[in-house]
Amino acid sequence: MHFVYVLFSFKFNRSYVGMTKNIKQRLSEHNSKKNTSTKAFVPWEVVYTEEYNTQAEARIREKYLKTAAGRRWRRNNIRPRGATE
């Protein structure tokens, strides 16, 4: 299985979208500052996941969630508890 995930940094009020086969391991990598895009905003929490059968399907959804329309969808459908507007 392949997963699309949304991380949220409550400390910085930032989100990040990615895909992986192992969410737990990937979150650990983000919080260990192994990812250039996310290391400045540690700590991260997983606030949303979707599961796909193929990597291609997951990649399509990940790319959508990173667009302006996808950001609007995330803002309207994913509410990290404790996040500020």
PDB file of N, CA and C in Angstrom:
ATOM      1  N   MET A   1       0.827  -1.177   0.000  1.00  0.00           N
ATOM      2  CA  MET A   1       0.000   0.000   0.000  1.00  0.00           C
ATOM      3  C   MET A   1       0.880   1.253   0.000  1.00  0.00           C
ATOM      4  N   HIS A   2       0.339   2.297  -0.573  1.00  0.00           N
ATOM      5  CA  HIS A   2       1.009   3.592  -0.611  1.00  0.00           C
ATOM      6  C   HIS A   2       0.114   4.613   0.069  1.00  0.00           C
ATOM      7  N   PHE A   3       0.728   5.522   0.783  1.00  0.00           N
ATOM      8  CA  PHE A   3      -0.023   6.500   1.554  1.00  0.00           C
ATOM      9  C   PHE A   3       0.339   7.923   1.140  1.00  0.00           C
ATOM     10  N   VAL A   4      -0.665   8.770   1.091  1.00  0.00           N
ATOM     11  CA  VAL A   4      -0.465  10.208   0.981  1.00  0.00           C
ATOM     12  C   VAL A   4      -0.750  10.738   2.373  1.00  0.00           C
ATOM     13  N   TYR A   5       0.101  11.621   2.867  1.00  0.00           N
ATOM     14  CA  TYR A   5      -0.065  12.100   4.230  1.00  0.00           C
ATOM     15  C   TYR A   5       0.074  13.614   4.292  1.00  0.00           C
ATOM     16  N   VAL A   6      -0.534  14.174   5.313  1.00  0.00           N
ATOM     17  CA  VAL A   6      -0.373  15.594   5.596  1.00  0.00           C
ATOM     18  C   VAL A   6       0.205  15.695   7.001  1.00  0.00           C
ATOM     19  N   LEU A   7       1.324  16.387   7.094  1.00  0.00           N
ATOM     20  CA  LEU A   7       1.942  16.660   8.384  1.00  0.00           C
ATOM     21  C   LEU A   7       1.598  18.084   8.787  1.00  0.00           C
ATOM     22  N   PHE A   8       1.578  18.320  10.081  1.00  0.00           N
ATOM     23  CA  PHE A   8       1.349  19.680  10.560  1.00  0.00           C
ATOM     24  C   PHE A   8       2.321  19.981  11.690  1.00  0.00           C
ATOM     25  N   SER A   9       2.912  21.170  11.643  1.00  0.00           N
ATOM     26  CA  SER A   9       3.783  21.643  12.708  1.00  0.00           C
ATOM     27  C   SER A   9       2.994  22.677  13.497  1.00  0.00           C
ATOM     28  N   PHE A  10       2.551  22.303  14.678  1.00  0.00           N
ATOM     29  CA  PHE A  10       1.780  23.214  15.515  1.00  0.00           C
ATOM     30  C   PHE A  10       2.637  24.381  15.987  1.00  0.00           C
ATOM     31  N   LYS A  11       3.915  24.146  16.161  1.00  0.00           N
ATOM     32  CA  LYS A  11       4.827  25.186  16.621  1.00  0.00           C
ATOM     33  C   LYS A  11       4.938  26.322  15.600  1.00  0.00           C
ATOM     34  N   PHE A  12       4.888  25.972  14.313  1.00  0.00           N
ATOM     35  CA  PHE A  12       5.060  26.957  13.249  1.00  0.00           C
ATOM     36  C   PHE A  12       3.798  27.175  12.407  1.00  0.00           C
ATOM     37  N   ASN A  13       2.720  26.445  12.715  1.00  0.00           N
ATOM     38  CA  ASN A  13       1.461  26.550  11.970  1.00  0.00           C
ATOM     39  C   ASN A  13       1.688  26.312  10.471  1.00  0.00           C
ATOM     40  N   ARG A  14       2.428  25.242  10.159  1.00  0.00           N
ATOM     41  CA  ARG A  14       2.760  24.894   8.774  1.00  0.00           C
ATOM     42  C   ARG A  14       2.329  23.467   8.486  1.00  0.00           C
ATOM     43  N   SER A  15       2.018  23.214   7.217  1.00  0.00           N
ATOM     44  CA  SER A  15       1.682  21.846   6.821  1.00  0.00           C
ATOM     45  C   SER A  15       2.604  21.396   5.696  1.00  0.00           C
ATOM     46  N   TYR A  16       2.656  20.080   5.509  1.00  0.00           N
ATOM     47  CA  TYR A  16       3.498  19.470   4.483  1.00  0.00           C
ATOM     48  C   TYR A  16       2.768  18.247   3.954  1.00  0.00           C
ATOM     49  N   VAL A  17       2.785  18.053   2.644  1.00  0.00           N
ATOM     50  CA  VAL A  17       2.144  16.909   1.998  1.00  0.00           C
ATOM     51  C   VAL A  17       3.225  16.019   1.405  1.00  0.00           C
ATOM     52  N   GLY A  18       3.086  14.701   1.600  1.00  0.00           N
ATOM     53  CA  GLY A  18       4.045  13.766   1.043  1.00  0.00           C
ATOM     54  C   GLY A  18       3.408  12.413   0.798  1.00  0.00           C
ATOM     55  N   MET A  19       4.198  11.474   0.307  1.00  0.00           N
ATOM     56  CA  MET A  19       3.709  10.102   0.114  1.00  0.00           C
ATOM     57  C   MET A  19       4.799   9.128   0.519  1.00  0.00           C
ATOM     58  N   THR A  20       4.363   7.937   0.951  1.00  0.00           N
ATOM     59  CA  THR A  20       5.297   6.946   1.454  1.00  0.00           C
ATOM     60  C   THR A  20       4.622   5.583   1.515  1.00  0.00           C
ATOM     61  N   LYS A  21       5.413   4.558   1.756  1.00  0.00           N
ATOM     62  CA  LYS A  21       4.868   3.230   2.027  1.00  0.00           C
ATOM     63  C   LYS A  21       4.823   2.963   3.527  1.00  0.00           C
ATOM     64  N   ASN A  22       5.573   3.747   4.307  1.00  0.00           N
ATOM     65  CA  ASN A  22       5.650   3.539   5.748  1.00  0.00           C
ATOM     66  C   ASN A  22       5.554   4.892   6.457  1.00  0.00           C
ATOM     67  N   ILE A  23       4.371   5.225   6.919  1.00  0.00           N
ATOM     68  CA  ILE A  23       4.136   6.540   7.515  1.00  0.00           C
ATOM     69  C   ILE A  23       4.952   6.742   8.793  1.00  0.00           C
ATOM     70  N   LYS A  24       4.997   5.733   9.636  1.00  0.00           N
ATOM     71  CA  LYS A  24       5.713   5.857  10.910  1.00  0.00           C
ATOM     72  C   LYS A  24       7.194   6.165  10.666  1.00  0.00           C
ATOM     73  N   GLN A  25       7.816   5.433   9.758  1.00  0.00           N
ATOM     74  CA  GLN A  25       9.230   5.649   9.438  1.00  0.00           C
ATOM     75  C   GLN A  25       9.434   7.026   8.806  1.00  0.00           C
ATOM     76  N   ARG A  26       8.530   7.413   7.911  1.00  0.00           N
ATOM     77  CA  ARG A  26       8.666   8.701   7.229  1.00  0.00           C
ATOM     78  C   ARG A  26       8.531   9.862   8.215  1.00  0.00           C
ATOM     79  N   LEU A  27       7.592   9.761   9.151  1.00  0.00           N
ATOM     80  CA  LEU A  27       7.437  10.804  10.169  1.00  0.00           C
ATOM     81  C   LEU A  27       8.720  10.922  10.990  1.00  0.00           C
ATOM     82  N   SER A  28       9.300   9.796  11.332  1.00  0.00           N
ATOM     83  CA  SER A  28      10.555   9.791  12.081  1.00  0.00           C
ATOM     84  C   SER A  28      11.659  10.502  11.296  1.00  0.00           C
ATOM     85  N   GLU A  29      11.717  10.276   9.994  1.00  0.00           N
ATOM     86  CA  GLU A  29      12.717  10.934   9.157  1.00  0.00           C
ATOM     87  C   GLU A  29      12.499  12.449   9.134  1.00  0.00           C
ATOM     88  N   HIS A  30      11.244  12.875   9.020  1.00  0.00           N
ATOM     89  CA  HIS A  30      10.948  14.316   9.036  1.00  0.00           C
ATOM     90  C   HIS A  30      11.377  14.926  10.373  1.00  0.00           C
ATOM     91  N   ASN A  31      11.026  14.276  11.459  1.00  0.00           N
ATOM     92  CA  ASN A  31      11.343  14.822  12.777  1.00  0.00           C
ATOM     93  C   ASN A  31      12.815  14.692  13.147  1.00  0.00           C
ATOM     94  N   SER A  32      13.560  13.870  12.407  1.00  0.00           N
ATOM     95  CA  SER A  32      15.007  13.742  12.606  1.00  0.00           C
ATOM     96  C   SER A  32      15.777  14.724  11.723  1.00  0.00           C
ATOM     97  N   LYS A  33      15.042  15.595  11.052  1.00  0.00           N
ATOM     98  CA  LYS A  33      15.605  16.634  10.184  1.00  0.00           C
ATOM     99  C   LYS A  33      16.372  16.066   8.997  1.00  0.00           C
ATOM    100  N   LYS A  34      15.911  14.917   8.474  1.00  0.00           N
ATOM    101  CA  LYS A  34      16.554  14.317   7.306  1.00  0.00           C
ATOM    102  C   LYS A  34      15.984  14.843   5.997  1.00  0.00           C
ATOM    103  N   ASN A  35      14.916  15.650   6.071  1.00  0.00           N
ATOM    104  CA  ASN A  35      14.279  16.203   4.881  1.00  0.00           C
ATOM    105  C   ASN A  35      14.514  17.709   4.862  1.00  0.00           C
ATOM    106  N   THR A  36      15.164  18.202   3.817  1.00  0.00           N
ATOM    107  CA  THR A  36      15.503  19.618   3.712  1.00  0.00           C
ATOM    108  C   THR A  36      14.266  20.513   3.791  1.00  0.00           C
ATOM    109  N   SER A  37      13.172  20.083   3.181  1.00  0.00           N
ATOM    110  CA  SER A  37      11.957  20.904   3.138  1.00  0.00           C
ATOM    111  C   SER A  37      11.282  21.063   4.484  1.00  0.00           C
ATOM    112  N   THR A  38      11.505  20.135   5.395  1.00  0.00           N
ATOM    113  CA  THR A  38      10.764  20.154   6.658  1.00  0.00           C
ATOM    114  C   THR A  38      11.617  20.350   7.896  1.00  0.00           C
ATOM    115  N   LYS A  39      12.926  20.300   7.771  1.00  0.00           N
ATOM    116  CA  LYS A  39      13.770  20.300   8.972  1.00  0.00           C
ATOM    117  C   LYS A  39      13.665  21.574   9.805  1.00  0.00           C
ATOM    118  N   ALA A  40      13.330  22.691   9.200  1.00  0.00           N
ATOM    119  CA  ALA A  40      13.246  23.951   9.946  1.00  0.00           C
ATOM    120  C   ALA A  40      11.980  24.061  10.795  1.00  0.00           C
ATOM    121  N   PHE A  41      11.025  23.152  10.577  1.00  0.00           N
ATOM    122  CA  PHE A  41       9.721  23.283  11.228  1.00  0.00           C
ATOM    123  C   PHE A  41       9.373  22.122  12.159  1.00  0.00           C
ATOM    124  N   VAL A  42      10.383  21.405  12.621  1.00  0.00           N
ATOM    125  CA  VAL A  42      10.200  20.287  13.554  1.00  0.00           C
ATOM    126  C   VAL A  42       9.636  20.826  14.862  1.00  0.00           C
ATOM    127  N   PRO A  43       8.747  20.158  15.539  1.00  0.00           N
ATOM    128  CA  PRO A  43       8.251  18.795  15.316  1.00  0.00           C
ATOM    129  C   PRO A  43       7.013  18.763  14.422  1.00  0.00           C
ATOM    130  N   TRP A  44       6.833  17.625  13.759  1.00  0.00           N
ATOM    131  CA  TRP A  44       5.688  17.374  12.878  1.00  0.00           C
ATOM    132  C   TRP A  44       4.791  16.300  13.468  1.00  0.00           C
ATOM    133  N   GLU A  45       3.505  16.393  13.151  1.00  0.00           N
ATOM    134  CA  GLU A  45       2.538  15.351  13.506  1.00  0.00           C
ATOM    135  C   GLU A  45       1.743  14.999  12.266  1.00  0.00           C
ATOM    136  N   VAL A  46       1.396  13.730  12.117  1.00  0.00           N
ATOM    137  CA  VAL A  46       0.523  13.308  11.022  1.00  0.00           C
ATOM    138  C   VAL A  46      -0.900  13.700  11.391  1.00  0.00           C
ATOM    139  N   VAL A  47      -1.551  14.499  10.528  1.00  0.00           N
ATOM    140  CA  VAL A  47      -2.920  14.927  10.806  1.00  0.00           C
ATOM    141  C   VAL A  47      -3.924  14.344   9.815  1.00  0.00           C
ATOM    142  N   TYR A  48      -3.411  13.708   8.725  1.00  0.00           N
ATOM    143  CA  TYR A  48      -4.322  13.162   7.715  1.00  0.00           C
ATOM    144  C   TYR A  48      -3.577  12.147   6.856  1.00  0.00           C
ATOM    145  N   THR A  49      -4.244  11.052   6.505  1.00  0.00           N
ATOM    146  CA  THR A  49      -3.670  10.057   5.591  1.00  0.00           C
ATOM    147  C   THR A  49      -4.738   9.545   4.637  1.00  0.00           C
ATOM    148  N   GLU A  50      -4.306   9.132   3.471  1.00  0.00           N
ATOM    149  CA  GLU A  50      -5.132   8.431   2.495  1.00  0.00           C
ATOM    150  C   GLU A  50      -4.325   7.240   1.994  1.00  0.00           C
ATOM    151  N   GLU A  51      -4.995   6.145   1.693  1.00  0.00           N
ATOM    152  CA  GLU A  51      -4.330   4.910   1.278  1.00  0.00           C
ATOM    153  C   GLU A  51      -4.651   4.615  -0.189  1.00  0.00           C
ATOM    154  N   TYR A  52      -3.624   4.200  -0.948  1.00  0.00           N
ATOM    155  CA  TYR A  52      -3.785   3.884  -2.371  1.00  0.00           C
ATOM    156  C   TYR A  52      -3.109   2.553  -2.677  1.00  0.00           C
ATOM    157  N   ASN A  53      -3.622   1.881  -3.709  1.00  0.00           N
ATOM    158  CA  ASN A  53      -3.071   0.585  -4.103  1.00  0.00           C
ATOM    159  C   ASN A  53      -1.767   0.713  -4.871  1.00  0.00           C
ATOM    160  N   THR A  54      -1.611   1.800  -5.632  1.00  0.00           N
ATOM    161  CA  THR A  54      -0.404   1.948  -6.441  1.00  0.00           C
ATOM    162  C   THR A  54       0.295   3.264  -6.144  1.00  0.00           C
ATOM    163  N   GLN A  55       1.573   3.296  -6.434  1.00  0.00           N
ATOM    164  CA  GLN A  55       2.357   4.507  -6.249  1.00  0.00           C
ATOM    165  C   GLN A  55       1.867   5.599  -7.202  1.00  0.00           C
ATOM    166  N   ALA A  56       1.457   5.223  -8.400  1.00  0.00           N
ATOM    167  CA  ALA A  56       0.975   6.199  -9.378  1.00  0.00           C
ATOM    168  C   ALA A  56      -0.275   6.923  -8.874  1.00  0.00           C
ATOM    169  N   GLU A  57      -1.203   6.180  -8.283  1.00  0.00           N
ATOM    170  CA  GLU A  57      -2.413   6.797  -7.737  1.00  0.00           C
ATOM    171  C   GLU A  57      -2.066   7.758  -6.599  1.00  0.00           C
ATOM    172  N   ALA A  58      -1.176   7.336  -5.735  1.00  0.00           N
ATOM    173  CA  ALA A  58      -0.767   8.177  -4.601  1.00  0.00           C
ATOM    174  C   ALA A  58      -0.076   9.443  -5.098  1.00  0.00           C
ATOM    175  N   ARG A  59       0.754   9.316  -6.098  1.00  0.00           N
ATOM    176  CA  ARG A  59       1.479  10.472  -6.636  1.00  0.00           C
ATOM    177  C   ARG A  59       0.524  11.502  -7.232  1.00  0.00           C
ATOM    178  N   ILE A  60      -0.498  11.034  -7.934  1.00  0.00           N
ATOM    179  CA  ILE A  60      -1.497  11.945  -8.509  1.00  0.00           C
ATOM    180  C   ILE A  60      -2.180  12.747  -7.402  1.00  0.00           C
ATOM    181  N   ARG A  61      -2.586  12.057  -6.339  1.00  0.00           N
ATOM    182  CA  ARG A  61      -3.262  12.736  -5.235  1.00  0.00           C
ATOM    183  C   ARG A  61      -2.312  13.691  -4.511  1.00  0.00           C
ATOM    184  N   GLU A  62      -1.061  13.268  -4.294  1.00  0.00           N
ATOM    185  CA  GLU A  62      -0.078  14.133  -3.642  1.00  0.00           C
ATOM    186  C   GLU A  62       0.115  15.412  -4.452  1.00  0.00           C
ATOM    187  N   LYS A  63       0.274  15.278  -5.757  1.00  0.00           N
ATOM    188  CA  LYS A  63       0.469  16.448  -6.605  1.00  0.00           C
ATOM    189  C   LYS A  63      -0.738  17.378  -6.531  1.00  0.00           C
ATOM    190  N   TYR A  64      -1.948  16.814  -6.513  1.00  0.00           N
ATOM    191  CA  TYR A  64      -3.150  17.641  -6.401  1.00  0.00           C
ATOM    192  C   TYR A  64      -3.158  18.413  -5.079  1.00  0.00           C
ATOM    193  N   LEU A  65      -2.852  17.737  -3.986  1.00  0.00           N
ATOM    194  CA  LEU A  65      -2.906  18.385  -2.674  1.00  0.00           C
ATOM    195  C   LEU A  65      -1.879  19.507  -2.533  1.00  0.00           C
ATOM    196  N   LYS A  66      -0.879  19.527  -3.405  1.00  0.00           N
ATOM    197  CA  LYS A  66       0.124  20.579  -3.372  1.00  0.00           C
ATOM    198  C   LYS A  66      -0.238  21.766  -4.267  1.00  0.00           C
ATOM    199  N   THR A  67      -1.333  21.670  -5.031  1.00  0.00           N
ATOM    200  CA  THR A  67      -1.770  22.771  -5.882  1.00  0.00           C
ATOM    201  C   THR A  67      -2.583  23.770  -5.061  1.00  0.00           C
ATOM    202  N   ALA A  68      -2.918  24.894  -5.656  1.00  0.00           N
ATOM    203  CA  ALA A  68      -3.761  25.887  -4.975  1.00  0.00           C
ATOM    204  C   ALA A  68      -5.120  25.288  -4.627  1.00  0.00           C
ATOM    205  N   ALA A  69      -5.705  24.530  -5.553  1.00  0.00           N
ATOM    206  CA  ALA A  69      -6.998  23.885  -5.281  1.00  0.00           C
ATOM    207  C   ALA A  69      -6.858  22.861  -4.158  1.00  0.00           C
ATOM    208  N   GLY A  70      -5.752  22.141  -4.140  1.00  0.00           N
ATOM    209  CA  GLY A  70      -5.508  21.163  -3.085  1.00  0.00           C
ATOM    210  C   GLY A  70      -5.313  21.816  -1.728  1.00  0.00           C
ATOM    211  N   ARG A  71      -4.659  22.961  -1.712  1.00  0.00           N
ATOM    212  CA  ARG A  71      -4.494  23.699  -0.448  1.00  0.00           C
ATOM    213  C   ARG A  71      -5.844  24.169   0.074  1.00  0.00           C
ATOM    214  N   ARG A  72      -6.710  24.630  -0.842  1.00  0.00           N
ATOM    215  CA  ARG A  72      -8.072  25.008  -0.422  1.00  0.00           C
ATOM    216  C   ARG A  72      -8.799  23.808   0.137  1.00  0.00           C
ATOM    217  N   TRP A  73      -8.675  22.640  -0.534  1.00  0.00           N
ATOM    218  CA  TRP A  73      -9.333  21.420  -0.055  1.00  0.00           C
ATOM    219  C   TRP A  73      -8.829  21.066   1.341  1.00  0.00           C
ATOM    220  N   ARG A  74      -7.517  21.137   1.535  1.00  0.00           N
ATOM    221  CA  ARG A  74      -6.947  20.832   2.858  1.00  0.00           C
ATOM    222  C   ARG A  74      -7.460  21.794   3.922  1.00  0.00           C
ATOM    223  N   ARG A  75      -7.497  23.080   3.582  1.00  0.00           N
ATOM    224  CA  ARG A  75      -7.969  24.080   4.538  1.00  0.00           C
ATOM    225  C   ARG A  75      -9.434  23.833   4.929  1.00  0.00           C
ATOM    226  N   ASN A  76     -10.262  23.385   3.977  1.00  0.00           N
ATOM    227  CA  ASN A  76     -11.686  23.154   4.225  1.00  0.00           C
ATOM    228  C   ASN A  76     -11.995  21.800   4.835  1.00  0.00           C
ATOM    229  N   ASN A  77     -11.108  20.825   4.698  1.00  0.00           N
ATOM    230  CA  ASN A  77     -11.419  19.458   5.107  1.00  0.00           C
ATOM    231  C   ASN A  77     -10.532  18.867   6.198  1.00  0.00           C
ATOM    232  N   ILE A  78      -9.398  19.468   6.456  1.00  0.00           N
ATOM    233  CA  ILE A  78      -8.493  18.950   7.481  1.00  0.00           C
ATOM    234  C   ILE A  78      -8.312  20.037   8.523  1.00  0.00           C
ATOM    235  N   ARG A  79      -8.742  19.757   9.718  1.00  0.00           N
ATOM    236  CA  ARG A  79      -8.645  20.724  10.813  1.00  0.00           C
ATOM    237  C   ARG A  79      -7.760  20.161  11.924  1.00  0.00           C
ATOM    238  N   PRO A  80      -6.458  20.433  11.872  1.00  0.00           N
ATOM    239  CA  PRO A  80      -5.610  19.973  12.968  1.00  0.00           C
ATOM    240  C   PRO A  80      -6.069  20.630  14.268  1.00  0.00           C
ATOM    241  N   ARG A  81      -6.319  19.848  15.277  1.00  0.00           N
ATOM    242  CA  ARG A  81      -6.767  20.433  16.552  1.00  0.00           C
ATOM    243  C   ARG A  81      -5.666  21.326  17.099  1.00  0.00           C
ATOM    244  N   GLY A  82      -6.067  22.488  17.533  1.00  0.00           N
ATOM    245  CA  GLY A  82      -5.102  23.423  18.102  1.00  0.00           C
ATOM    246  C   GLY A  82      -4.405  24.308  17.082  1.00  0.00           C
ATOM    247  N   ALA A  83      -4.701  24.129  15.789  1.00  0.00           N
ATOM    248  CA  ALA A  83      -4.065  24.961  14.760  1.00  0.00           C
ATOM    249  C   ALA A  83      -4.736  26.329  14.740  1.00  0.00           C
ATOM    250  N   THR A  84      -3.944  27.344  14.416  1.00  0.00           N
ATOM    251  CA  THR A  84      -4.490  28.686  14.294  1.00  0.00           C
ATOM    252  C   THR A  84      -4.755  28.995  12.830  1.00  0.00           C
ATOM    253  N   GLU A  85      -5.714  29.831  12.584  1.00  0.00           N
ATOM    254  CA  GLU A  85      -6.081  30.196  11.204  1.00  0.00           C
ATOM    255  C   GLU A  85      -5.077  31.147  10.608  1.00  0.00           C
TER     256      GLU A  85
END
